[in-house]
Amino acid sequence: MRKIIGSIISALAFGGVILPTMAADLKAPIYKAPLEVWSWTGVYVGGNVGYSWGRSSTDTRVSNNGNGASLFSTNSSYDLRGGEIGVQVGVNWQSGIWVGGFETDVQGTGQRGSASFTCPAGVCNTSAVVPAASRLLTGSISQKLAWFGTLRGRFGVTVTPTVLAYGTAGVAYGEVDSDGVLSGISAAGPVSNPFSGSDSTTTKTGWAAGFGVEGRLAANWTGKVEYLYVALNSFSTTGLLLTNVPPINVAYSSRVNDSIVRVGLNYKFDNGPLLGW
């Protein structure tokens, strides 16, 4: 009996040492949360606001509307300045540190500018009802860049996983509204005629290029700062003053270049940031 009791005590003592040690070694497994990684891949929509400063370079040609003879020509260049606001939609694909995609946007602007000309005495007017020194023809033109849009490719590199520096280039299109006034001398005295309307509204194409920086703000929201240069192809506007002596046709040919600095906010549609590389 003593031997049996001694064996039991020895077993318990041995277990008291071994079992806690084994239990200490059998720790619960530790799970590490997956690393959250932001991806630029996805479709996004957003809005922007900024300021535009452009220039219109306008060639003016005055001719006799009766026989087509050229009487006078000049060139003027003037500012088109104002705010702009718009929306954009785009898509990105990311491969390593490189990000490529496409973006289209439409902007409303308040850009306006104007210029005027004076045809020298007796050149564009031969009426005898006023002294020769007063036989002038004058004209003015005002232009407004009503809206413009672009369709561009974007290509950039991630400075950090959540900051993208990019360049962009593509096609541009926009509407320029023109109106003005021509003033001269008829056989009865001074006359003037305003011109405007649908034939003075021109939608033209061109190109756009620029660069920017975009960064993740929170969740799927990103913010960007962007510079864009837009050039619209040459377009024409015509004004008539048929009561002038002789009847006058004034043809305006303009080219509009525009620089835009804007800030934007985008929301990217997907399932949220990717997990793991």
Protein backbone atom coordinates (compact mmCIF):
# COMPACT_ATOMS: atom_id res chain seq x y z
CA MET A 1 0.00 0.00 0.00
CA ARG A 2 2.84 2.38 0.87
CA LYS A 3 4.35 1.73 -2.55
CA ILE A 4 1.05 2.49 -4.33
CA ILE A 5 0.54 5.75 -2.38
CA GLY A 6 4.14 6.78 -3.07
CA SER A 7 3.71 6.18 -6.79
CA ILE A 8 0.56 8.31 -6.86
CA ILE A 9 2.28 11.17 -5.00
CA SER A 10 5.26 10.99 -7.37
CA ALA A 11 2.96 11.05 -10.41
CA LEU A 12 1.09 14.07 -9.11
CA ALA A 13 4.30 15.90 -8.34
CA PHE A 14 5.68 15.10 -11.80
CA GLY A 15 2.42 16.28 -13.39
CA GLY A 16 2.50 19.47 -11.39
CA VAL A 17 5.79 20.35 -13.04
CA ILE A 18 5.26 19.03 -16.56
CA LEU A 19 1.61 19.96 -17.19
CA PRO A 20 1.95 23.72 -16.45
CA THR A 21 5.05 23.78 -18.62
CA MET A 22 3.20 22.08 -21.48
CA ALA A 23 0.24 24.42 -21.02
CA ALA A 24 2.58 27.41 -21.21
CA ASP A 25 3.93 26.12 -24.50
CA LEU A 26 0.46 25.61 -25.99
CA LYS A 27 -0.34 29.32 -26.42
CA ALA A 28 -3.27 30.44 -28.58
CA PRO A 29 -2.15 31.37 -32.14
CA ILE A 30 -1.68 35.10 -32.81
CA TYR A 31 -3.45 36.49 -35.92
CA LYS A 32 -2.07 39.64 -37.50
CA ALA A 33 -4.51 41.91 -39.29
CA PRO A 34 -3.84 42.05 -43.05
CA LEU A 35 -1.97 45.14 -44.21
CA GLU A 36 -4.34 47.69 -45.77
CA VAL A 37 -3.08 48.82 -49.19
CA TRP A 38 -4.68 51.60 -51.24
CA SER A 39 -5.15 50.91 -54.95
CA TRP A 40 -5.82 53.55 -57.62
CA THR A 41 -7.61 51.03 -59.83
CA GLY A 42 -11.28 51.83 -60.32
CA VAL A 43 -13.89 54.16 -61.77
CA TYR A 44 -14.30 57.58 -60.17
CA VAL A 45 -16.53 60.66 -60.39
CA GLY A 46 -16.04 64.11 -58.95
CA GLY A 47 -16.25 67.87 -59.23
CA ASN A 48 -13.81 70.75 -59.48
CA VAL A 49 -13.57 74.51 -59.21
CA GLY A 50 -10.85 76.85 -60.39
CA TYR A 51 -9.76 79.97 -62.23
CA SER A 52 -8.99 80.41 -65.92
CA TRP A 53 -6.92 83.02 -67.69
CA GLY A 54 -6.88 82.78 -71.47
CA ARG A 55 -6.31 84.92 -74.55
CA SER A 56 -8.13 85.40 -77.81
CA SER A 57 -6.00 86.32 -80.80
CA THR A 58 -8.36 87.80 -83.41
CA ASP A 59 -7.64 88.78 -87.01
CA THR A 60 -10.08 91.40 -88.37
CA ARG A 61 -10.66 91.93 -92.11
CA VAL A 62 -12.92 94.72 -93.43
CA SER A 63 -14.11 94.41 -97.01
CA ASN A 64 -16.61 96.00 -99.39
CA ASN A 65 -19.66 93.76 -99.20
CA GLY A 66 -20.63 94.75 -102.75
CA ASN A 67 -17.51 93.82 -104.69
CA GLY A 68 -15.46 91.92 -102.06
CA ALA A 69 -12.54 94.37 -102.18
CA SER A 70 -10.39 94.30 -99.05
CA LEU A 71 -10.31 97.70 -97.33
CA PHE A 72 -8.59 97.23 -93.97
CA SER A 73 -7.17 94.52 -91.73
CA THR A 74 -5.80 94.38 -88.20
CA ASN A 75 -5.06 91.98 -85.37
CA SER A 76 -5.87 92.21 -81.68
CA SER A 77 -5.11 90.01 -78.70
CA TYR A 78 -7.04 90.29 -75.46
CA ASP A 79 -7.56 88.45 -72.19
CA LEU A 80 -10.39 86.06 -71.40
CA ARG A 81 -10.50 85.68 -67.62
CA GLY A 82 -12.95 84.21 -65.12
CA GLY A 83 -13.86 81.38 -62.78
CA GLU A 84 -14.82 77.89 -63.83
CA ILE A 85 -16.67 74.94 -62.27
CA GLY A 86 -17.26 71.47 -63.60
CA VAL A 87 -17.52 67.71 -63.19
CA GLN A 88 -15.27 64.83 -64.21
CA VAL A 89 -15.53 61.05 -64.70
CA GLY A 90 -12.57 58.73 -65.11
CA VAL A 91 -11.04 55.31 -64.72
CA ASN A 92 -7.58 54.21 -63.51
CA TRP A 93 -5.56 51.02 -63.72
CA GLN A 94 -2.59 50.48 -61.42
CA SER A 95 0.41 48.19 -61.99
CA GLY A 96 3.09 48.52 -59.33
CA ILE A 97 3.96 52.18 -58.98
CA TRP A 98 2.49 53.08 -62.40
CA VAL A 99 -1.06 54.34 -62.91
CA GLY A 100 -2.76 54.95 -66.26
CA GLY A 101 -6.29 55.82 -67.26
CA PHE A 102 -8.73 58.17 -68.95
CA GLU A 103 -10.72 61.18 -67.80
CA THR A 104 -13.43 63.34 -69.35
CA ASP A 105 -14.72 66.60 -67.92
CA VAL A 106 -17.15 69.41 -68.77
CA GLN A 107 -16.65 72.94 -67.41
CA GLY A 108 -18.83 76.04 -67.27
CA THR A 109 -16.86 79.29 -67.29
CA GLY A 110 -17.35 83.01 -66.84
CA GLN A 111 -14.45 84.03 -69.10
CA ARG A 112 -15.01 87.20 -71.14
CA GLY A 113 -12.93 89.64 -73.13
CA SER A 114 -13.31 92.35 -75.78
CA ALA A 115 -11.43 94.38 -78.39
CA SER A 116 -12.12 97.21 -80.83
CA PHE A 117 -10.74 98.66 -84.06
CA THR A 118 -10.95 101.90 -86.06
CA CYS A 119 -10.56 101.97 -89.81
CA PRO A 120 -8.67 105.16 -90.81
CA ALA A 121 -10.69 108.14 -92.11
CA GLY A 122 -11.84 107.73 -95.69
CA VAL A 123 -10.60 104.12 -96.05
CA CYS A 124 -13.76 102.25 -95.05
CA ASN A 125 -16.19 105.13 -95.54
CA THR A 126 -16.66 107.53 -98.45
CA SER A 127 -19.88 109.26 -97.42
CA ALA A 128 -19.91 112.99 -98.19
CA VAL A 129 -22.32 113.94 -95.39
CA VAL A 130 -19.48 114.48 -92.89
CA PRO A 131 -15.98 116.02 -93.25
CA ALA A 132 -13.32 113.72 -94.63
CA ALA A 133 -11.55 113.48 -91.25
CA SER A 134 -14.76 112.10 -89.69
CA ARG A 135 -15.41 109.39 -92.25
CA LEU A 136 -14.57 106.58 -89.86
CA LEU A 137 -15.68 103.00 -89.45
CA THR A 138 -15.33 101.55 -85.93
CA GLY A 139 -16.06 98.12 -84.59
CA SER A 140 -15.96 96.20 -81.35
CA ILE A 141 -16.18 92.51 -80.54
CA SER A 142 -16.84 90.76 -77.23
CA GLN A 143 -16.23 87.08 -76.69
CA LYS A 144 -17.23 84.65 -73.97
CA LEU A 145 -15.93 81.12 -73.48
CA ALA A 146 -19.29 79.71 -72.40
CA TRP A 147 -18.13 76.15 -71.67
CA PHE A 148 -15.49 73.63 -72.62
CA GLY A 149 -14.79 69.95 -72.17
CA THR A 150 -11.88 67.54 -72.57
CA LEU A 151 -11.26 63.84 -73.12
CA ARG A 152 -7.75 62.98 -71.94
CA GLY A 153 -5.43 60.15 -71.10
CA ARG A 154 -3.69 60.22 -67.73
CA PHE A 155 -0.40 58.54 -66.84
CA GLY A 156 1.48 58.87 -63.59
CA VAL A 157 3.57 57.38 -60.82
CA THR A 158 2.80 56.91 -57.14
CA VAL A 159 5.09 59.10 -55.05
CA THR A 160 3.73 57.20 -52.05
CA PRO A 161 1.01 54.51 -52.18
CA THR A 162 -1.64 57.21 -51.61
CA VAL A 163 -0.14 60.13 -53.59
CA LEU A 164 -0.14 60.16 -57.40
CA ALA A 165 1.76 62.58 -59.66
CA TYR A 166 0.56 62.51 -63.26
CA GLY A 167 0.59 64.09 -66.70
CA THR A 168 -2.44 64.32 -68.96
CA ALA A 169 -3.19 65.12 -72.63
CA GLY A 170 -6.01 64.72 -75.12
CA VAL A 171 -8.68 66.50 -77.15
CA ALA A 172 -10.65 69.61 -76.13
CA TYR A 173 -13.86 71.20 -77.36
CA GLY A 174 -15.75 74.31 -76.38
CA GLU A 175 -18.24 77.02 -77.27
CA VAL A 176 -17.22 80.63 -77.83
CA ASP A 177 -20.01 83.24 -78.07
CA SER A 178 -19.24 86.44 -79.99
CA ASP A 179 -21.13 89.69 -80.38
CA GLY A 180 -20.23 93.23 -81.31
CA VAL A 181 -21.18 96.54 -82.90
CA LEU A 182 -20.15 98.21 -86.16
CA SER A 183 -20.53 101.97 -86.57
CA GLY A 184 -20.09 104.00 -89.77
CA ILE A 185 -21.65 106.69 -91.96
CA SER A 186 -24.56 106.21 -94.36
CA ALA A 187 -25.76 108.58 -97.07
CA ALA A 188 -27.99 110.16 -94.43
CA GLY A 189 -25.57 110.26 -91.48
CA PRO A 190 -24.08 108.09 -88.72
CA VAL A 191 -25.33 104.49 -88.45
CA SER A 192 -24.50 101.44 -86.35
CA ASN A 193 -25.45 97.80 -86.34
CA PRO A 194 -25.00 95.20 -83.61
CA PHE A 195 -24.28 91.62 -84.60
CA SER A 196 -24.85 88.50 -82.55
CA GLY A 197 -26.95 85.36 -82.65
CA SER A 198 -26.62 81.70 -83.51
CA ASP A 199 -24.19 82.33 -86.35
CA SER A 200 -21.86 84.02 -83.86
CA THR A 201 -21.83 80.98 -81.56
CA THR A 202 -19.15 78.48 -82.49
CA THR A 203 -18.30 75.09 -81.00
CA LYS A 204 -14.74 74.14 -81.88
CA THR A 205 -12.30 71.34 -81.13
CA GLY A 206 -8.66 71.54 -80.12
CA TRP A 207 -6.27 69.93 -77.66
CA ALA A 208 -5.49 69.97 -73.96
CA ALA A 209 -2.47 69.03 -71.83
CA GLY A 210 -1.42 69.47 -68.23
CA PHE A 211 -0.23 67.86 -65.01
CA GLY A 212 -1.38 67.40 -61.44
CA VAL A 213 -1.06 65.74 -58.05
CA GLU A 214 -3.82 63.63 -56.50
CA GLY A 215 -3.90 62.11 -53.03
CA ARG A 216 -6.16 59.92 -50.95
CA LEU A 217 -8.03 61.91 -48.30
CA ALA A 218 -10.11 59.30 -46.48
CA ALA A 219 -11.79 56.00 -47.39
CA ASN A 220 -12.38 56.19 -51.17
CA TRP A 221 -12.19 59.99 -51.40
CA THR A 222 -9.28 61.70 -53.18
CA GLY A 223 -8.38 65.33 -53.77
CA LYS A 224 -6.35 66.84 -56.60
CA VAL A 225 -4.65 70.04 -57.72
CA GLU A 226 -4.30 70.37 -61.51
CA TYR A 227 -3.03 72.70 -64.23
CA LEU A 228 -4.53 72.38 -67.71
CA TYR A 229 -3.77 74.21 -70.96
CA VAL A 230 -6.53 74.25 -73.59
CA ALA A 231 -6.16 75.45 -77.21
CA LEU A 232 -9.21 75.74 -79.48
CA ASN A 233 -8.83 75.82 -83.23
CA SER A 234 -9.55 78.93 -85.31
CA PHE A 235 -13.19 79.99 -85.68
CA SER A 236 -14.89 82.82 -87.57
CA THR A 237 -17.57 85.43 -86.90
CA THR A 238 -19.04 87.91 -89.39
CA GLY A 239 -20.56 91.38 -88.88
CA LEU A 240 -22.37 93.45 -91.52
CA LEU A 241 -23.06 97.17 -91.85
CA LEU A 242 -24.92 97.39 -95.15
CA THR A 243 -26.05 101.00 -94.66
CA ASN A 244 -22.48 102.24 -94.52
CA VAL A 245 -21.05 103.87 -97.67
CA PRO A 246 -19.85 101.50 -99.04
CA PRO A 247 -21.66 98.47 -97.47
CA ILE A 248 -19.25 96.73 -95.12
CA ASN A 249 -18.50 93.11 -94.28
CA VAL A 250 -16.23 92.50 -91.27
CA ALA A 251 -14.79 88.99 -90.84
CA TYR A 252 -13.27 88.01 -87.50
CA SER A 253 -11.03 84.94 -87.21
CA SER A 254 -10.12 83.99 -83.65
CA ARG A 255 -8.01 81.47 -81.77
CA VAL A 256 -8.53 80.91 -78.06
CA ASN A 257 -5.87 79.57 -75.67
CA ASP A 258 -6.73 78.98 -72.04
CA SER A 259 -4.83 78.17 -68.84
CA ILE A 260 -6.71 76.65 -65.92
CA VAL A 261 -5.70 75.97 -62.33
CA ARG A 262 -8.27 73.98 -60.39
CA VAL A 263 -8.82 71.80 -57.34
CA GLY A 264 -11.02 68.73 -57.45
CA LEU A 265 -12.63 66.08 -55.28
CA ASN A 266 -13.16 62.49 -56.53
CA TYR A 267 -14.91 59.40 -55.22
CA LYS A 268 -13.61 56.02 -56.44
CA PHE A 269 -16.13 53.19 -56.86
CA ASP A 270 -14.91 49.74 -55.77
CA ASN A 271 -14.98 47.52 -52.71
CA GLY A 272 -12.70 49.80 -50.76
CA PRO A 273 -8.93 49.57 -50.32
CA LEU A 274 -7.35 46.27 -51.39
CA LEU A 275 -5.87 43.95 -48.75
CA GLY A 276 -2.34 42.73 -49.27
CA TRP A 277 -0.10 43.03 -52.31
